[in-house]
Amino acid sequence: MKRLLRIDSSPRKGASISRQLADKLQERIQNEETINIQTRDLYYDELVKLGNEDQINGFFTPLEQQTEAQKSAIAGSNVLANEFAQADTYLFAVPMYNFGVSAALKTYIDLISRAGITFNYADGAPVGLLENKKAYVVVVTGGTPLESDYDFVTPYLRLFLNFIGVTDIEFIKVSSTNTNAEEALAAAKTEIEVLSLA
């Protein structure tokens, strides 16, 4: 059975537009195929936290040479990175904060960007290991136009996903929810209803 990993990156719960739209897209995906859903709610997940020097050093130390402190420091990252690598499809719910992704999502990306798990090196250059996977990215902003010069969310996520080998990416973009939330939400829901999931 295929696995879908859903990643929520807003600290808001019921009031979060990115979560509402991700709910609708998840429901559509589940109606199309039998799929196992895993979730990571980044602001409420104890594994998603900034590390220390032991963690940083542990990332760059071969397993057989790691200290016990380093092994302990990267244990959470190991779980998150392997879980991410084992998924077939990704569903990101992403609000824009201060022109970029939230602190929790940036931390998560740092934790799953692991040589030997999500990417590797070949002839000194990084090569993504997660080919033939699909990513859906719901991006919501309060007022910043997406794909504008002030949007550092969509290009960053596209670059990161490409870096780890995920090139089949579908963005659902919702801008200006501070001024026309109902209209923007309705338009995004319509887009999700007609979105090709092939």
C-alpha atoms as a PDB file:
ATOM      1  CA  MET A   1       0.000   0.000   0.000  1.00  0.00           C
ATOM      2  CA  LYS A   2       1.278   3.459  -0.878  1.00  0.00           C
ATOM      3  CA  ARG A   3       2.158   5.846   1.910  1.00  0.00           C
ATOM      4  CA  LEU A   4       1.258   9.527   2.034  1.00  0.00           C
ATOM      5  CA  LEU A   5       3.111  11.706   4.508  1.00  0.00           C
ATOM      6  CA  ARG A   6       1.250  14.858   5.467  1.00  0.00           C
ATOM      7  CA  ILE A   7       3.284  17.716   6.938  1.00  0.00           C
ATOM      8  CA  ASP A   8       1.437  20.558   8.689  1.00  0.00           C
ATOM      9  CA  SER A   9       3.577  23.607   9.418  1.00  0.00           C
ATOM     10  CA  SER A  10       1.152  26.098  10.967  1.00  0.00           C
ATOM     11  CA  PRO A  11       0.843  26.528  14.751  1.00  0.00           C
ATOM     12  CA  ARG A  12      -2.822  27.371  14.208  1.00  0.00           C
ATOM     13  CA  LYS A  13      -5.336  24.548  14.345  1.00  0.00           C
ATOM     14  CA  GLY A  14      -8.949  25.039  13.245  1.00  0.00           C
ATOM     15  CA  ALA A  15      -8.357  28.575  11.980  1.00  0.00           C
ATOM     16  CA  SER A  16      -5.535  27.540   9.666  1.00  0.00           C
ATOM     17  CA  ILE A  17      -6.435  27.891   5.994  1.00  0.00           C
ATOM     18  CA  SER A  18      -3.486  25.736   4.927  1.00  0.00           C
ATOM     19  CA  ARG A  19      -4.786  22.923   7.156  1.00  0.00           C
ATOM     20  CA  GLN A  20      -8.335  23.272   5.825  1.00  0.00           C
ATOM     21  CA  LEU A  21      -7.162  23.000   2.238  1.00  0.00           C
ATOM     22  CA  ALA A  22      -4.806  20.127   3.045  1.00  0.00           C
ATOM     23  CA  ASP A  23      -7.774  18.333   4.638  1.00  0.00           C
ATOM     24  CA  LYS A  24      -9.738  18.702   1.407  1.00  0.00           C
ATOM     25  CA  LEU A  25      -6.847  17.554  -0.756  1.00  0.00           C
ATOM     26  CA  GLN A  26      -6.150  14.598   1.537  1.00  0.00           C
ATOM     27  CA  GLU A  27      -9.808  13.586   1.295  1.00  0.00           C
ATOM     28  CA  ARG A  28      -9.621  13.731  -2.511  1.00  0.00           C
ATOM     29  CA  ILE A  29      -6.500  11.589  -2.573  1.00  0.00           C
ATOM     30  CA  GLN A  30      -8.068   9.038  -0.226  1.00  0.00           C
ATOM     31  CA  ASN A  31     -11.153   8.860  -2.437  1.00  0.00           C
ATOM     32  CA  GLU A  32      -8.985   8.132  -5.476  1.00  0.00           C
ATOM     33  CA  GLU A  33      -6.845   5.335  -4.025  1.00  0.00           C
ATOM     34  CA  THR A  34      -6.252   3.212  -0.965  1.00  0.00           C
ATOM     35  CA  ILE A  35      -3.371   4.856   0.819  1.00  0.00           C
ATOM     36  CA  ASN A  36      -1.794   4.800   4.268  1.00  0.00           C
ATOM     37  CA  ILE A  37      -1.697   8.279   5.834  1.00  0.00           C
ATOM     38  CA  GLN A  38       1.064   9.361   8.181  1.00  0.00           C
ATOM     39  CA  THR A  39       1.167  12.855   9.681  1.00  0.00           C
ATOM     40  CA  ARG A  40       3.706  15.214  11.164  1.00  0.00           C
ATOM     41  CA  ASP A  41       2.320  18.303  12.886  1.00  0.00           C
ATOM     42  CA  LEU A  42       5.557  20.211  13.094  1.00  0.00           C
ATOM     43  CA  TYR A  43       4.771  22.745  15.824  1.00  0.00           C
ATOM     44  CA  TYR A  44       3.463  19.992  18.107  1.00  0.00           C
ATOM     45  CA  ASP A  45       5.977  17.224  17.398  1.00  0.00           C
ATOM     46  CA  GLU A  46       8.701  16.726  19.993  1.00  0.00           C
ATOM     47  CA  LEU A  47      11.079  15.329  17.364  1.00  0.00           C
ATOM     48  CA  VAL A  48      11.058  18.619  15.444  1.00  0.00           C
ATOM     49  CA  LYS A  49      13.453  20.739  17.447  1.00  0.00           C
ATOM     50  CA  LEU A  50      16.700  22.564  16.967  1.00  0.00           C
ATOM     51  CA  GLY A  51      19.789  20.559  17.768  1.00  0.00           C
ATOM     52  CA  ASN A  52      23.107  21.222  19.420  1.00  0.00           C
ATOM     53  CA  GLU A  53      26.758  20.682  18.597  1.00  0.00           C
ATOM     54  CA  ASP A  54      26.475  16.935  19.163  1.00  0.00           C
ATOM     55  CA  GLN A  55      23.697  16.780  16.580  1.00  0.00           C
ATOM     56  CA  ILE A  56      25.613  18.766  13.966  1.00  0.00           C
ATOM     57  CA  ASN A  57      28.758  16.725  14.504  1.00  0.00           C
ATOM     58  CA  GLY A  58      26.741  13.505  14.476  1.00  0.00           C
ATOM     59  CA  PHE A  59      25.387  14.308  11.012  1.00  0.00           C
ATOM     60  CA  PHE A  60      28.935  14.344   9.634  1.00  0.00           C
ATOM     61  CA  THR A  61      30.419  11.465  11.624  1.00  0.00           C
ATOM     62  CA  PRO A  62      30.300   7.853  10.374  1.00  0.00           C
ATOM     63  CA  LEU A  63      28.026   5.659  12.507  1.00  0.00           C
ATOM     64  CA  GLU A  64      30.845   3.532  13.874  1.00  0.00           C
ATOM     65  CA  GLN A  65      32.668   6.663  15.057  1.00  0.00           C
ATOM     66  CA  GLN A  66      29.750   8.493  16.658  1.00  0.00           C
ATOM     67  CA  THR A  67      29.792   9.126  20.375  1.00  0.00           C
ATOM     68  CA  GLU A  68      26.805   8.121  22.487  1.00  0.00           C
ATOM     69  CA  ALA A  69      25.915  11.808  22.795  1.00  0.00           C
ATOM     70  CA  GLN A  70      25.944  12.187  19.013  1.00  0.00           C
ATOM     71  CA  LYS A  71      23.805   9.073  18.509  1.00  0.00           C
ATOM     72  CA  SER A  72      21.280  10.398  20.995  1.00  0.00           C
ATOM     73  CA  ALA A  73      21.294  13.866  19.423  1.00  0.00           C
ATOM     74  CA  ILE A  74      20.491  12.600  15.904  1.00  0.00           C
ATOM     75  CA  ALA A  75      18.015   9.889  16.897  1.00  0.00           C
ATOM     76  CA  GLY A  76      14.989  12.097  16.195  1.00  0.00           C
ATOM     77  CA  SER A  77      16.404  13.217  12.862  1.00  0.00           C
ATOM     78  CA  ASN A  78      16.954   9.569  11.906  1.00  0.00           C
ATOM     79  CA  VAL A  79      13.279   8.822  12.541  1.00  0.00           C
ATOM     80  CA  LEU A  80      12.042  11.837  10.574  1.00  0.00           C
ATOM     81  CA  ALA A  81      14.420  11.401   7.629  1.00  0.00           C
ATOM     82  CA  ASN A  82      13.752   7.682   7.214  1.00  0.00           C
ATOM     83  CA  GLU A  83      10.002   8.205   7.521  1.00  0.00           C
ATOM     84  CA  PHE A  84      10.193  10.871   4.824  1.00  0.00           C
ATOM     85  CA  ALA A  85      12.306   8.679   2.553  1.00  0.00           C
ATOM     86  CA  GLN A  86       9.891   5.759   2.867  1.00  0.00           C
ATOM     87  CA  ALA A  87       6.801   7.750   1.850  1.00  0.00           C
ATOM     88  CA  ASP A  88       5.535   7.650  -1.727  1.00  0.00           C
ATOM     89  CA  THR A  89       3.584  10.919  -1.717  1.00  0.00           C
ATOM     90  CA  TYR A  90       3.892  14.131   0.297  1.00  0.00           C
ATOM     91  CA  LEU A  91       1.254  16.673   1.265  1.00  0.00           C
ATOM     92  CA  PHE A  92       2.672  19.902   2.674  1.00  0.00           C
ATOM     93  CA  ALA A  93       0.409  22.495   4.303  1.00  0.00           C
ATOM     94  CA  VAL A  94       2.490  25.673   4.266  1.00  0.00           C
ATOM     95  CA  PRO A  95       1.606  29.151   5.503  1.00  0.00           C
ATOM     96  CA  MET A  96       3.959  31.986   4.562  1.00  0.00           C
ATOM     97  CA  TYR A  97       5.502  33.765   7.534  1.00  0.00           C
ATOM     98  CA  ASN A  98       7.563  36.899   6.920  1.00  0.00           C
ATOM     99  CA  PHE A  99       8.021  36.020   3.243  1.00  0.00           C
ATOM    100  CA  GLY A 100       9.331  32.508   3.970  1.00  0.00           C
ATOM    101  CA  VAL A 101       8.405  29.173   5.508  1.00  0.00           C
ATOM    102  CA  SER A 102       7.674  28.849   9.211  1.00  0.00           C
ATOM    103  CA  ALA A 103      10.467  28.160  11.692  1.00  0.00           C
ATOM    104  CA  ALA A 104       9.078  24.672  12.318  1.00  0.00           C
ATOM    105  CA  LEU A 105       9.154  23.758   8.626  1.00  0.00           C
ATOM    106  CA  LYS A 106      12.700  25.090   8.206  1.00  0.00           C
ATOM    107  CA  THR A 107      13.802  23.018  11.211  1.00  0.00           C
ATOM    108  CA  TYR A 108      12.083  19.941   9.770  1.00  0.00           C
ATOM    109  CA  ILE A 109      13.796  20.407   6.417  1.00  0.00           C
ATOM    110  CA  ASP A 110      17.164  20.666   8.171  1.00  0.00           C
ATOM    111  CA  LEU A 111      16.430  17.431  10.044  1.00  0.00           C
ATOM    112  CA  ILE A 112      15.383  15.399   6.994  1.00  0.00           C
ATOM    113  CA  SER A 113      18.171  16.655   4.716  1.00  0.00           C
ATOM    114  CA  ARG A 114      20.457  13.731   5.487  1.00  0.00           C
ATOM    115  CA  ALA A 115      23.264  12.371   3.358  1.00  0.00           C
ATOM    116  CA  GLY A 116      22.702   8.669   2.795  1.00  0.00           C
ATOM    117  CA  ILE A 117      18.961   8.911   3.478  1.00  0.00           C
ATOM    118  CA  THR A 118      17.383  11.639   1.331  1.00  0.00           C
ATOM    119  CA  PHE A 119      20.399  12.549  -0.794  1.00  0.00           C
ATOM    120  CA  ASN A 120      23.913  11.349  -1.434  1.00  0.00           C
ATOM    121  CA  TYR A 121      27.124  12.516  -3.051  1.00  0.00           C
ATOM    122  CA  ALA A 122      28.432  11.335  -6.412  1.00  0.00           C
ATOM    123  CA  ASP A 123      31.727  12.742  -7.682  1.00  0.00           C
ATOM    124  CA  GLY A 124      31.506  15.430  -5.022  1.00  0.00           C
ATOM    125  CA  ALA A 125      28.034  16.628  -6.095  1.00  0.00           C
ATOM    126  CA  PRO A 126      24.759  16.000  -4.232  1.00  0.00           C
ATOM    127  CA  VAL A 127      22.260  13.611  -5.840  1.00  0.00           C
ATOM    128  CA  GLY A 128      18.684  13.260  -4.619  1.00  0.00           C
ATOM    129  CA  LEU A 129      17.623   9.766  -3.580  1.00  0.00           C
ATOM    130  CA  LEU A 130      13.844  10.266  -3.611  1.00  0.00           C
ATOM    131  CA  GLU A 131      12.988   9.940  -7.276  1.00  0.00           C
ATOM    132  CA  ASN A 132       9.588   8.892  -8.644  1.00  0.00           C
ATOM    133  CA  LYS A 133       7.670  10.444  -5.763  1.00  0.00           C
ATOM    134  CA  LYS A 134       4.907  13.062  -5.817  1.00  0.00           C
ATOM    135  CA  ALA A 135       4.568  16.198  -3.693  1.00  0.00           C
ATOM    136  CA  TYR A 136       1.500  18.376  -3.209  1.00  0.00           C
ATOM    137  CA  VAL A 137       2.265  21.740  -1.630  1.00  0.00           C
ATOM    138  CA  VAL A 138      -0.545  23.982  -0.363  1.00  0.00           C
ATOM    139  CA  VAL A 139       0.928  27.469   0.109  1.00  0.00           C
ATOM    140  CA  VAL A 140      -1.140  30.200   1.786  1.00  0.00           C
ATOM    141  CA  THR A 141      -0.238  33.863   2.260  1.00  0.00           C
ATOM    142  CA  GLY A 142      -1.968  36.715   4.018  1.00  0.00           C
ATOM    143  CA  GLY A 143      -1.097  39.347   1.452  1.00  0.00           C
ATOM    144  CA  THR A 144       2.145  38.569  -0.369  1.00  0.00           C
ATOM    145  CA  PRO A 145       1.528  37.560  -3.989  1.00  0.00           C
ATOM    146  CA  LEU A 146       2.927  34.098  -4.654  1.00  0.00           C
ATOM    147  CA  GLU A 147       5.528  33.847  -7.426  1.00  0.00           C
ATOM    148  CA  SER A 148       6.341  37.532  -6.853  1.00  0.00           C
ATOM    149  CA  ASP A 149       9.770  38.921  -5.961  1.00  0.00           C
ATOM    150  CA  TYR A 150       8.716  38.713  -2.297  1.00  0.00           C
ATOM    151  CA  ASP A 151       7.787  35.050  -2.357  1.00  0.00           C
ATOM    152  CA  PHE A 152      10.588  33.005  -0.825  1.00  0.00           C
ATOM    153  CA  VAL A 153       8.356  29.994  -0.089  1.00  0.00           C
ATOM    154  CA  THR A 154       7.564  28.398  -3.441  1.00  0.00           C
ATOM    155  CA  PRO A 155      11.063  28.709  -4.968  1.00  0.00           C
ATOM    156  CA  TYR A 156      12.673  27.466  -1.752  1.00  0.00           C
ATOM    157  CA  LEU A 157      10.414  24.414  -1.481  1.00  0.00           C
ATOM    158  CA  ARG A 158      10.791  23.635  -5.179  1.00  0.00           C
ATOM    159  CA  LEU A 159      14.581  23.836  -4.860  1.00  0.00           C
ATOM    160  CA  PHE A 160      14.643  21.688  -1.714  1.00  0.00           C
ATOM    161  CA  LEU A 161      12.371  19.006  -3.154  1.00  0.00           C
ATOM    162  CA  ASN A 162      14.357  18.908  -6.393  1.00  0.00           C
ATOM    163  CA  PHE A 163      17.549  18.643  -4.330  1.00  0.00           C
ATOM    164  CA  ILE A 164      16.353  15.422  -2.692  1.00  0.00           C
ATOM    165  CA  GLY A 165      15.053  14.040  -5.995  1.00  0.00           C
ATOM    166  CA  VAL A 166      11.355  14.997  -5.919  1.00  0.00           C
ATOM    167  CA  THR A 167      10.564  16.733  -9.205  1.00  0.00           C
ATOM    168  CA  ASP A 168       6.842  15.926  -9.583  1.00  0.00           C
ATOM    169  CA  ILE A 169       5.431  18.823  -7.557  1.00  0.00           C
ATOM    170  CA  GLU A 170       1.923  20.284  -7.609  1.00  0.00           C
ATOM    171  CA  PHE A 171       1.535  23.694  -5.935  1.00  0.00           C
ATOM    172  CA  ILE A 172      -1.870  24.908  -4.776  1.00  0.00           C
ATOM    173  CA  LYS A 173      -1.342  28.645  -4.254  1.00  0.00           C
ATOM    174  CA  VAL A 174      -3.600  30.861  -2.171  1.00  0.00           C
ATOM    175  CA  SER A 175      -2.708  34.542  -1.839  1.00  0.00           C
ATOM    176  CA  SER A 176      -4.172  37.562  -0.037  1.00  0.00           C
ATOM    177  CA  THR A 177      -6.291  35.739   2.527  1.00  0.00           C
ATOM    178  CA  ASN A 178      -6.182  38.814   4.792  1.00  0.00           C
ATOM    179  CA  THR A 179      -8.383  40.769   2.402  1.00  0.00           C
ATOM    180  CA  ASN A 180     -10.524  38.164   0.609  1.00  0.00           C
ATOM    181  CA  ALA A 181     -10.260  34.954   2.624  1.00  0.00           C
ATOM    182  CA  GLU A 182     -13.631  33.487   1.613  1.00  0.00           C
ATOM    183  CA  GLU A 183     -13.080  34.105  -2.090  1.00  0.00           C
ATOM    184  CA  ALA A 184      -9.510  32.772  -2.003  1.00  0.00           C
ATOM    185  CA  LEU A 185     -10.555  29.697  -0.035  1.00  0.00           C
ATOM    186  CA  ALA A 186     -13.445  28.948  -2.388  1.00  0.00           C
ATOM    187  CA  ALA A 187     -11.195  29.289  -5.450  1.00  0.00           C
ATOM    188  CA  ALA A 188      -8.585  26.975  -3.931  1.00  0.00           C
ATOM    189  CA  LYS A 189     -11.197  24.366  -3.036  1.00  0.00           C
ATOM    190  CA  THR A 190     -12.457  24.435  -6.633  1.00  0.00           C
ATOM    191  CA  GLU A 191      -8.883  24.000  -7.862  1.00  0.00           C
ATOM    192  CA  ILE A 192      -8.455  20.969  -5.603  1.00  0.00           C
ATOM    193  CA  GLU A 193     -11.717  19.433  -6.834  1.00  0.00           C
ATOM    194  CA  VAL A 194     -10.551  19.498 -10.467  1.00  0.00           C
ATOM    195  CA  LEU A 195      -6.866  18.790  -9.790  1.00  0.00           C
ATOM    196  CA  SER A 196      -5.472  15.843 -11.722  1.00  0.00           C
ATOM    197  CA  LEU A 197      -4.024  13.302  -9.318  1.00  0.00           C
ATOM    198  CA  ALA A 198      -2.461  11.115 -11.997  1.00  0.00           C
END
